[in-house]
Amino acid sequence: MQRRQWLQSSVLAGLSATAFLHTVQAQTTVVEVWKDPNCGCCQLWVEHLQAHGFKVEVRDVGNTAARKRLGMPESLGSCHTATVSGYVIEGHVPAADIRRLLRDRPLALGLSVPGMPIGSPGMDGPEYKGRKDAYDVLLVQKDGSSRSFQRYPGNARMAQRSSFQRVSDAAANLPWATAEVRRIDKGARKVALKHGEIKNLDMPPMSMVFQVKDPAMLDNLQVGQKVRFQALQENGAYWVVRIEATAM
């Protein structure tokens, strides 16, 4: 009986030590993040990592240049880019998958969650009312190829179009949303908007960075300007297809 109790105590002590070691390792692991200062979901992802014990250093300068410099394919891009222990992390990757990456140390460039799927860390607030889009965390190789690293099932169909064919015709039927322009990055073809509800995307009011298909749409915009816009989703990424000044 005494031996059994000793074994049980030893196992519990070992499990506690392992959990403590994982916490210490996470707390001493630095994640460097490049993001837009006006993107609310990026900040929530940073807080997600911090809540799971990671130390995060933020660079509020946008992530387009960092993504290109680090070798992450633009086709796998999202609204923020990070590095951790020699790996590149793109988008709303869960902390658990980063820990698994650091534990297994596969030969790879890093991980990516392309676009901004609802239900992923940072895109999972109460305003989404439990909605979850299916998405994959991709293990990205240095040659740009990728495979699924972890699959997350969804409970709602993603509101997206398969291509931009006949976008001008489609845009005529999209609802307008209102917003305030927070940041313009013409080089990266991005605009940060503090917007109201976007009905066709089932998206509540928030601050977020959108891509624009036609960079000429940004020529007459100014930071602080009130606008109305139309947006759609393609393969997880959010695109503004029309935008114009308006009185709010």
C-alpha atoms as a PDB file:
ATOM      1  CA  MET A   1       0.000   0.000   0.000  1.00  0.00           C
ATOM      2  CA  GLN A   2       2.832   2.368   0.911  1.00  0.00           C
ATOM      3  CA  ARG A   3       4.577   1.588  -2.385  1.00  0.00           C
ATOM      4  CA  ARG A   4       1.370   2.307  -4.337  1.00  0.00           C
ATOM      5  CA  GLN A   5       0.932   5.635  -2.555  1.00  0.00           C
ATOM      6  CA  TRP A   6       4.572   6.479  -3.247  1.00  0.00           C
ATOM      7  CA  LEU A   7       4.118   5.692  -6.944  1.00  0.00           C
ATOM      8  CA  GLN A   8       0.963   7.798  -7.144  1.00  0.00           C
ATOM      9  CA  SER A   9       2.710  10.683  -5.426  1.00  0.00           C
ATOM     10  CA  SER A  10       5.665  10.358  -7.799  1.00  0.00           C
ATOM     11  CA  VAL A  11       3.405  10.416 -10.866  1.00  0.00           C
ATOM     12  CA  LEU A  12       1.521  13.482  -9.621  1.00  0.00           C
ATOM     13  CA  ALA A  13       4.776  15.228  -8.821  1.00  0.00           C
ATOM     14  CA  GLY A  14       6.060  14.435 -12.297  1.00  0.00           C
ATOM     15  CA  LEU A  15       2.931  15.812 -13.949  1.00  0.00           C
ATOM     16  CA  SER A  16       3.115  18.971 -11.872  1.00  0.00           C
ATOM     17  CA  ALA A  17       6.772  19.431 -12.761  1.00  0.00           C
ATOM     18  CA  THR A  18       6.012  18.955 -16.453  1.00  0.00           C
ATOM     19  CA  ALA A  19       3.199  21.530 -16.359  1.00  0.00           C
ATOM     20  CA  PHE A  20       5.456  23.950 -14.502  1.00  0.00           C
ATOM     21  CA  LEU A  21       8.246  23.412 -17.040  1.00  0.00           C
ATOM     22  CA  HIS A  22       5.895  24.131 -19.954  1.00  0.00           C
ATOM     23  CA  THR A  23       4.750  27.341 -18.248  1.00  0.00           C
ATOM     24  CA  VAL A  24       8.323  28.472 -17.611  1.00  0.00           C
ATOM     25  CA  GLN A  25       9.333  27.666 -21.191  1.00  0.00           C
ATOM     26  CA  ALA A  26       6.406  29.667 -22.586  1.00  0.00           C
ATOM     27  CA  GLN A  27       7.131  32.620 -20.332  1.00  0.00           C
ATOM     28  CA  THR A  28      10.772  32.718 -21.441  1.00  0.00           C
ATOM     29  CA  THR A  29       9.902  32.353 -25.140  1.00  0.00           C
ATOM     30  CA  VAL A  30       9.727  35.688 -26.944  1.00  0.00           C
ATOM     31  CA  VAL A  31       7.289  36.182 -29.814  1.00  0.00           C
ATOM     32  CA  GLU A  32       8.004  39.231 -31.969  1.00  0.00           C
ATOM     33  CA  VAL A  33       4.904  40.507 -33.765  1.00  0.00           C
ATOM     34  CA  TRP A  34       4.493  42.917 -36.665  1.00  0.00           C
ATOM     35  CA  LYS A  35       0.952  44.296 -36.958  1.00  0.00           C
ATOM     36  CA  ASP A  36      -1.121  47.318 -37.852  1.00  0.00           C
ATOM     37  CA  PRO A  37      -1.699  49.550 -34.799  1.00  0.00           C
ATOM     38  CA  ASN A  38      -5.381  49.908 -35.687  1.00  0.00           C
ATOM     39  CA  CYS A  39      -6.238  46.218 -36.094  1.00  0.00           C
ATOM     40  CA  GLY A  40      -8.245  45.128 -33.069  1.00  0.00           C
ATOM     41  CA  CYS A  41      -8.135  41.410 -33.867  1.00  0.00           C
ATOM     42  CA  CYS A  42      -4.320  41.522 -34.039  1.00  0.00           C
ATOM     43  CA  GLN A  43      -4.190  42.975 -30.531  1.00  0.00           C
ATOM     44  CA  LEU A  44      -6.572  40.302 -29.283  1.00  0.00           C
ATOM     45  CA  TRP A  45      -4.266  37.617 -30.742  1.00  0.00           C
ATOM     46  CA  VAL A  46      -1.345  39.195 -28.887  1.00  0.00           C
ATOM     47  CA  GLU A  47      -3.381  39.031 -25.676  1.00  0.00           C
ATOM     48  CA  HIS A  48      -4.195  35.378 -26.440  1.00  0.00           C
ATOM     49  CA  LEU A  49      -0.477  34.564 -26.551  1.00  0.00           C
ATOM     50  CA  GLN A  50       0.185  36.528 -23.375  1.00  0.00           C
ATOM     51  CA  ALA A  51      -2.627  34.695 -21.606  1.00  0.00           C
ATOM     52  CA  HIS A  52      -0.884  31.437 -22.509  1.00  0.00           C
ATOM     53  CA  GLY A  53       2.400  32.557 -21.002  1.00  0.00           C
ATOM     54  CA  PHE A  54       4.333  33.877 -23.990  1.00  0.00           C
ATOM     55  CA  LYS A  55       6.300  37.100 -23.817  1.00  0.00           C
ATOM     56  CA  VAL A  56       5.270  39.266 -26.778  1.00  0.00           C
ATOM     57  CA  GLU A  57       7.135  42.180 -28.335  1.00  0.00           C
ATOM     58  CA  VAL A  58       4.953  44.210 -30.696  1.00  0.00           C
ATOM     59  CA  ARG A  59       6.041  46.257 -33.715  1.00  0.00           C
ATOM     60  CA  ASP A  60       3.112  48.482 -34.743  1.00  0.00           C
ATOM     61  CA  VAL A  61       4.385  49.150 -38.258  1.00  0.00           C
ATOM     62  CA  GLY A  62       2.258  46.804 -40.364  1.00  0.00           C
ATOM     63  CA  ASN A  63       3.337  43.340 -41.454  1.00  0.00           C
ATOM     64  CA  THR A  64       3.694  43.401 -45.242  1.00  0.00           C
ATOM     65  CA  ALA A  65       7.420  44.170 -45.256  1.00  0.00           C
ATOM     66  CA  ALA A  66       8.104  41.703 -42.439  1.00  0.00           C
ATOM     67  CA  ARG A  67       6.191  38.908 -44.189  1.00  0.00           C
ATOM     68  CA  LYS A  68       8.163  39.454 -47.395  1.00  0.00           C
ATOM     69  CA  ARG A  69      11.507  39.663 -45.566  1.00  0.00           C
ATOM     70  CA  LEU A  70      10.822  36.482 -43.605  1.00  0.00           C
ATOM     71  CA  GLY A  71       9.804  34.495 -46.683  1.00  0.00           C
ATOM     72  CA  MET A  72       6.163  33.763 -45.877  1.00  0.00           C
ATOM     73  CA  PRO A  73       4.211  33.503 -49.175  1.00  0.00           C
ATOM     74  CA  GLU A  74       1.772  36.346 -49.736  1.00  0.00           C
ATOM     75  CA  SER A  75      -0.876  33.772 -50.678  1.00  0.00           C
ATOM     76  CA  LEU A  76      -0.724  32.507 -47.081  1.00  0.00           C
ATOM     77  CA  GLY A  77      -0.809  35.995 -45.599  1.00  0.00           C
ATOM     78  CA  SER A  78      -2.929  37.442 -42.814  1.00  0.00           C
ATOM     79  CA  CYS A  79      -3.114  40.660 -40.803  1.00  0.00           C
ATOM     80  CA  HIS A  80      -0.034  40.064 -38.636  1.00  0.00           C
ATOM     81  CA  THR A  81       3.303  38.262 -38.858  1.00  0.00           C
ATOM     82  CA  ALA A  82       5.472  36.982 -36.012  1.00  0.00           C
ATOM     83  CA  THR A  83       8.679  35.120 -35.283  1.00  0.00           C
ATOM     84  CA  VAL A  84       9.415  32.710 -32.454  1.00  0.00           C
ATOM     85  CA  SER A  85      12.548  30.614 -31.897  1.00  0.00           C
ATOM     86  CA  GLY A  86      13.521  30.696 -35.567  1.00  0.00           C
ATOM     87  CA  TYR A  87      10.020  30.049 -36.964  1.00  0.00           C
ATOM     88  CA  VAL A  88       7.646  32.416 -38.771  1.00  0.00           C
ATOM     89  CA  ILE A  89       4.049  32.607 -37.531  1.00  0.00           C
ATOM     90  CA  GLU A  90       1.462  34.156 -39.853  1.00  0.00           C
ATOM     91  CA  GLY A  91      -2.047  35.069 -38.752  1.00  0.00           C
ATOM     92  CA  HIS A  92      -4.310  33.817 -35.976  1.00  0.00           C
ATOM     93  CA  VAL A  93      -2.407  30.659 -35.034  1.00  0.00           C
ATOM     94  CA  PRO A  94      -3.532  29.191 -31.674  1.00  0.00           C
ATOM     95  CA  ALA A  95      -0.963  29.208 -28.869  1.00  0.00           C
ATOM     96  CA  ALA A  96      -1.314  25.418 -28.505  1.00  0.00           C
ATOM     97  CA  ASP A  97      -0.086  24.913 -32.071  1.00  0.00           C
ATOM     98  CA  ILE A  98       2.892  27.212 -31.493  1.00  0.00           C
ATOM     99  CA  ARG A  99       3.810  25.162 -28.426  1.00  0.00           C
ATOM    100  CA  ARG A 100       3.539  21.958 -30.446  1.00  0.00           C
ATOM    101  CA  LEU A 101       5.746  23.481 -33.152  1.00  0.00           C
ATOM    102  CA  LEU A 102       8.404  24.405 -30.608  1.00  0.00           C
ATOM    103  CA  ARG A 103       8.191  20.978 -28.981  1.00  0.00           C
ATOM    104  CA  ASP A 104       8.432  18.922 -32.178  1.00  0.00           C
ATOM    105  CA  ARG A 105      10.844  21.277 -34.027  1.00  0.00           C
ATOM    106  CA  PRO A 106       9.933  20.171 -37.586  1.00  0.00           C
ATOM    107  CA  LEU A 107      12.103  21.328 -40.475  1.00  0.00           C
ATOM    108  CA  ALA A 108       9.908  24.143 -41.795  1.00  0.00           C
ATOM    109  CA  LEU A 109       9.543  27.889 -42.246  1.00  0.00           C
ATOM    110  CA  GLY A 110       6.693  28.079 -39.753  1.00  0.00           C
ATOM    111  CA  LEU A 111       2.917  28.120 -39.366  1.00  0.00           C
ATOM    112  CA  SER A 112       0.156  30.075 -41.067  1.00  0.00           C
ATOM    113  CA  VAL A 113      -3.565  30.621 -40.729  1.00  0.00           C
ATOM    114  CA  PRO A 114      -4.321  32.465 -43.987  1.00  0.00           C
ATOM    115  CA  GLY A 115      -6.930  35.182 -43.897  1.00  0.00           C
ATOM    116  CA  MET A 116      -8.881  35.865 -40.723  1.00  0.00           C
ATOM    117  CA  PRO A 117     -11.260  32.969 -40.006  1.00  0.00           C
ATOM    118  CA  ILE A 118     -13.878  33.695 -37.381  1.00  0.00           C
ATOM    119  CA  GLY A 119     -13.432  31.471 -34.343  1.00  0.00           C
ATOM    120  CA  SER A 120      -9.635  31.571 -34.441  1.00  0.00           C
ATOM    121  CA  PRO A 121      -7.831  33.294 -31.533  1.00  0.00           C
ATOM    122  CA  GLY A 122      -8.436  37.032 -31.787  1.00  0.00           C
ATOM    123  CA  MET A 123     -11.492  36.489 -33.980  1.00  0.00           C
ATOM    124  CA  ASP A 124     -13.500  34.685 -31.306  1.00  0.00           C
ATOM    125  CA  GLY A 125     -15.020  37.421 -29.154  1.00  0.00           C
ATOM    126  CA  PRO A 126     -18.589  37.346 -27.771  1.00  0.00           C
ATOM    127  CA  GLU A 127     -19.718  39.655 -30.569  1.00  0.00           C
ATOM    128  CA  TYR A 128     -19.465  36.680 -32.963  1.00  0.00           C
ATOM    129  CA  LYS A 129     -22.088  34.817 -30.904  1.00  0.00           C
ATOM    130  CA  GLY A 130     -20.241  31.494 -30.990  1.00  0.00           C
ATOM    131  CA  ARG A 131     -19.775  31.399 -34.759  1.00  0.00           C
ATOM    132  CA  LYS A 132     -16.784  29.361 -35.901  1.00  0.00           C
ATOM    133  CA  ASP A 133     -15.452  28.986 -39.423  1.00  0.00           C
ATOM    134  CA  ALA A 134     -13.548  25.828 -40.333  1.00  0.00           C
ATOM    135  CA  TYR A 135      -9.858  26.488 -40.893  1.00  0.00           C
ATOM    136  CA  ASP A 136      -6.474  24.797 -41.035  1.00  0.00           C
ATOM    137  CA  VAL A 137      -3.240  25.761 -39.359  1.00  0.00           C
ATOM    138  CA  LEU A 138      -0.719  25.147 -42.139  1.00  0.00           C
ATOM    139  CA  LEU A 139       2.847  23.949 -41.732  1.00  0.00           C
ATOM    140  CA  VAL A 140       4.746  26.006 -44.303  1.00  0.00           C
ATOM    141  CA  GLN A 141       7.980  24.790 -45.864  1.00  0.00           C
ATOM    142  CA  LYS A 142      10.812  27.078 -46.940  1.00  0.00           C
ATOM    143  CA  ASP A 143       9.941  26.450 -50.596  1.00  0.00           C
ATOM    144  CA  GLY A 144       6.449  27.866 -49.986  1.00  0.00           C
ATOM    145  CA  SER A 145       4.605  24.552 -50.028  1.00  0.00           C
ATOM    146  CA  SER A 146       2.318  23.719 -47.130  1.00  0.00           C
ATOM    147  CA  ARG A 147       0.233  20.992 -45.510  1.00  0.00           C
ATOM    148  CA  SER A 148      -2.275  20.853 -42.710  1.00  0.00           C
ATOM    149  CA  PHE A 149      -0.696  20.957 -39.253  1.00  0.00           C
ATOM    150  CA  GLN A 150      -3.962  21.135 -37.316  1.00  0.00           C
ATOM    151  CA  ARG A 151      -7.599  21.178 -38.467  1.00  0.00           C
ATOM    152  CA  TYR A 152     -10.290  23.156 -36.652  1.00  0.00           C
ATOM    153  CA  PRO A 153     -13.891  22.302 -37.612  1.00  0.00           C
ATOM    154  CA  GLY A 154     -16.427  25.072 -37.964  1.00  0.00           C
ATOM    155  CA  ASN A 155     -20.090  25.478 -37.203  1.00  0.00           C
ATOM    156  CA  ALA A 156     -20.977  27.992 -39.908  1.00  0.00           C
ATOM    157  CA  ARG A 157     -20.404  28.433 -43.606  1.00  0.00           C
ATOM    158  CA  MET A 158     -17.788  31.047 -44.371  1.00  0.00           C
ATOM    159  CA  ALA A 159     -19.259  34.027 -46.218  1.00  0.00           C
ATOM    160  CA  GLN A 160     -16.898  34.122 -49.177  1.00  0.00           C
ATOM    161  CA  ARG A 161     -16.723  34.079 -52.937  1.00  0.00           C
ATOM    162  CA  SER A 162     -14.504  31.675 -54.824  1.00  0.00           C
ATOM    163  CA  SER A 163     -13.089  34.365 -57.150  1.00  0.00           C
ATOM    164  CA  PHE A 164     -13.293  37.993 -58.174  1.00  0.00           C
ATOM    165  CA  GLN A 165     -14.990  37.236 -61.475  1.00  0.00           C
ATOM    166  CA  ARG A 166     -17.760  39.738 -62.143  1.00  0.00           C
ATOM    167  CA  VAL A 167     -16.942  41.630 -58.932  1.00  0.00           C
ATOM    168  CA  SER A 168     -18.465  44.824 -60.284  1.00  0.00           C
ATOM    169  CA  ASP A 169     -21.773  43.022 -60.836  1.00  0.00           C
ATOM    170  CA  ALA A 170     -21.599  41.309 -57.444  1.00  0.00           C
ATOM    171  CA  ALA A 171     -20.781  44.558 -55.649  1.00  0.00           C
ATOM    172  CA  ALA A 172     -24.012  46.095 -56.882  1.00  0.00           C
ATOM    173  CA  ASN A 173     -25.880  43.654 -54.637  1.00  0.00           C
ATOM    174  CA  LEU A 174     -23.664  43.985 -51.549  1.00  0.00           C
ATOM    175  CA  PRO A 175     -24.877  46.025 -48.577  1.00  0.00           C
ATOM    176  CA  TRP A 176     -22.984  49.168 -47.615  1.00  0.00           C
ATOM    177  CA  ALA A 177     -21.240  49.470 -44.248  1.00  0.00           C
ATOM    178  CA  THR A 178     -20.043  52.672 -42.582  1.00  0.00           C
ATOM    179  CA  ALA A 179     -16.578  53.282 -41.194  1.00  0.00           C
ATOM    180  CA  GLU A 180     -13.861  55.702 -40.195  1.00  0.00           C
ATOM    181  CA  VAL A 181     -10.495  55.432 -41.946  1.00  0.00           C
ATOM    182  CA  ARG A 182      -7.764  54.723 -39.386  1.00  0.00           C
ATOM    183  CA  ARG A 183      -4.732  53.946 -41.557  1.00  0.00           C
ATOM    184  CA  ILE A 184      -3.857  53.786 -45.257  1.00  0.00           C
ATOM    185  CA  ASP A 185      -1.047  51.653 -46.703  1.00  0.00           C
ATOM    186  CA  LYS A 186      -1.060  52.163 -50.460  1.00  0.00           C
ATOM    187  CA  GLY A 187       2.075  50.112 -51.008  1.00  0.00           C
ATOM    188  CA  ALA A 188       0.515  47.070 -49.353  1.00  0.00           C
ATOM    189  CA  ARG A 189      -2.974  47.763 -50.778  1.00  0.00           C
ATOM    190  CA  LYS A 190      -4.491  47.845 -47.301  1.00  0.00           C
ATOM    191  CA  VAL A 191      -6.786  50.131 -45.359  1.00  0.00           C
ATOM    192  CA  ALA A 192      -7.589  49.987 -41.635  1.00  0.00           C
ATOM    193  CA  LEU A 193     -11.211  50.772 -40.870  1.00  0.00           C
ATOM    194  CA  LYS A 194     -13.159  51.214 -37.657  1.00  0.00           C
ATOM    195  CA  HIS A 195     -16.410  49.941 -39.081  1.00  0.00           C
ATOM    196  CA  GLY A 196     -19.997  49.207 -38.215  1.00  0.00           C
ATOM    197  CA  GLU A 197     -21.785  45.943 -38.869  1.00  0.00           C
ATOM    198  CA  ILE A 198     -21.028  44.269 -42.217  1.00  0.00           C
ATOM    199  CA  LYS A 199     -24.216  42.327 -42.788  1.00  0.00           C
ATOM    200  CA  ASN A 200     -23.153  40.118 -45.700  1.00  0.00           C
ATOM    201  CA  LEU A 201     -20.106  38.924 -43.735  1.00  0.00           C
ATOM    202  CA  ASP A 202     -21.969  38.489 -40.426  1.00  0.00           C
ATOM    203  CA  MET A 203     -19.278  40.732 -38.960  1.00  0.00           C
ATOM    204  CA  PRO A 204     -20.008  42.919 -35.915  1.00  0.00           C
ATOM    205  CA  PRO A 205     -18.546  46.435 -35.438  1.00  0.00           C
ATOM    206  CA  MET A 206     -14.791  46.385 -34.871  1.00  0.00           C
ATOM    207  CA  SER A 207     -11.480  47.784 -36.121  1.00  0.00           C
ATOM    208  CA  MET A 208      -9.820  45.706 -38.815  1.00  0.00           C
ATOM    209  CA  VAL A 209      -7.449  45.858 -41.758  1.00  0.00           C
ATOM    210  CA  PHE A 210      -8.891  45.148 -45.198  1.00  0.00           C
ATOM    211  CA  GLN A 211      -7.181  44.486 -48.489  1.00  0.00           C
ATOM    212  CA  VAL A 212      -8.218  46.379 -51.611  1.00  0.00           C
ATOM    213  CA  LYS A 213      -8.207  44.827 -55.048  1.00  0.00           C
ATOM    214  CA  ASP A 214      -7.768  48.181 -56.788  1.00  0.00           C
ATOM    215  CA  PRO A 215      -5.191  50.426 -55.034  1.00  0.00           C
ATOM    216  CA  ALA A 216      -6.618  53.452 -56.882  1.00  0.00           C
ATOM    217  CA  MET A 217      -9.506  53.321 -54.400  1.00  0.00           C
ATOM    218  CA  LEU A 218      -7.101  54.598 -51.749  1.00  0.00           C
ATOM    219  CA  ASP A 219      -5.950  57.673 -53.683  1.00  0.00           C
ATOM    220  CA  ASN A 220      -8.634  60.031 -52.357  1.00  0.00           C
ATOM    221  CA  LEU A 221      -8.922  58.644 -48.842  1.00  0.00           C
ATOM    222  CA  GLN A 222      -7.640  60.407 -45.751  1.00  0.00           C
ATOM    223  CA  VAL A 223      -7.094  59.212 -42.186  1.00  0.00           C
ATOM    224  CA  GLY A 224     -10.076  60.233 -40.041  1.00  0.00           C
ATOM    225  CA  GLN A 225     -12.413  60.392 -43.038  1.00  0.00           C
ATOM    226  CA  LYS A 226     -15.942  58.984 -42.751  1.00  0.00           C
ATOM    227  CA  VAL A 227     -16.704  56.483 -45.501  1.00  0.00           C
ATOM    228  CA  ARG A 228     -19.113  53.844 -46.627  1.00  0.00           C
ATOM    229  CA  PHE A 229     -17.831  50.666 -48.237  1.00  0.00           C
ATOM    230  CA  GLN A 230     -18.707  47.249 -49.600  1.00  0.00           C
ATOM    231  CA  ALA A 231     -16.656  44.179 -48.680  1.00  0.00           C
ATOM    232  CA  LEU A 232     -16.533  40.480 -49.398  1.00  0.00           C
ATOM    233  CA  GLN A 233     -14.434  37.521 -48.350  1.00  0.00           C
ATOM    234  CA  GLU A 234     -12.221  35.340 -50.510  1.00  0.00           C
ATOM    235  CA  ASN A 235     -10.402  32.316 -49.072  1.00  0.00           C
ATOM    236  CA  GLY A 236     -10.521  33.789 -45.587  1.00  0.00           C
ATOM    237  CA  ALA A 237      -9.230  37.268 -46.520  1.00  0.00           C
ATOM    238  CA  TYR A 238     -11.465  40.354 -46.384  1.00  0.00           C
ATOM    239  CA  TRP A 239     -11.501  42.694 -49.393  1.00  0.00           C
ATOM    240  CA  VAL A 240     -12.987  46.142 -49.915  1.00  0.00           C
ATOM    241  CA  VAL A 241     -14.465  46.294 -53.405  1.00  0.00           C
ATOM    242  CA  ARG A 242     -15.966  49.789 -53.178  1.00  0.00           C
ATOM    243  CA  ILE A 243     -15.327  52.700 -50.827  1.00  0.00           C
ATOM    244  CA  GLU A 244     -16.405  56.321 -50.914  1.00  0.00           C
ATOM    245  CA  ALA A 245     -16.567  59.359 -48.634  1.00  0.00           C
ATOM    246  CA  THR A 246     -19.847  60.010 -46.862  1.00  0.00           C
ATOM    247  CA  ALA A 247     -21.337  62.058 -44.033  1.00  0.00           C
ATOM    248  CA  MET A 248     -22.007  60.027 -40.882  1.00  0.00           C
END
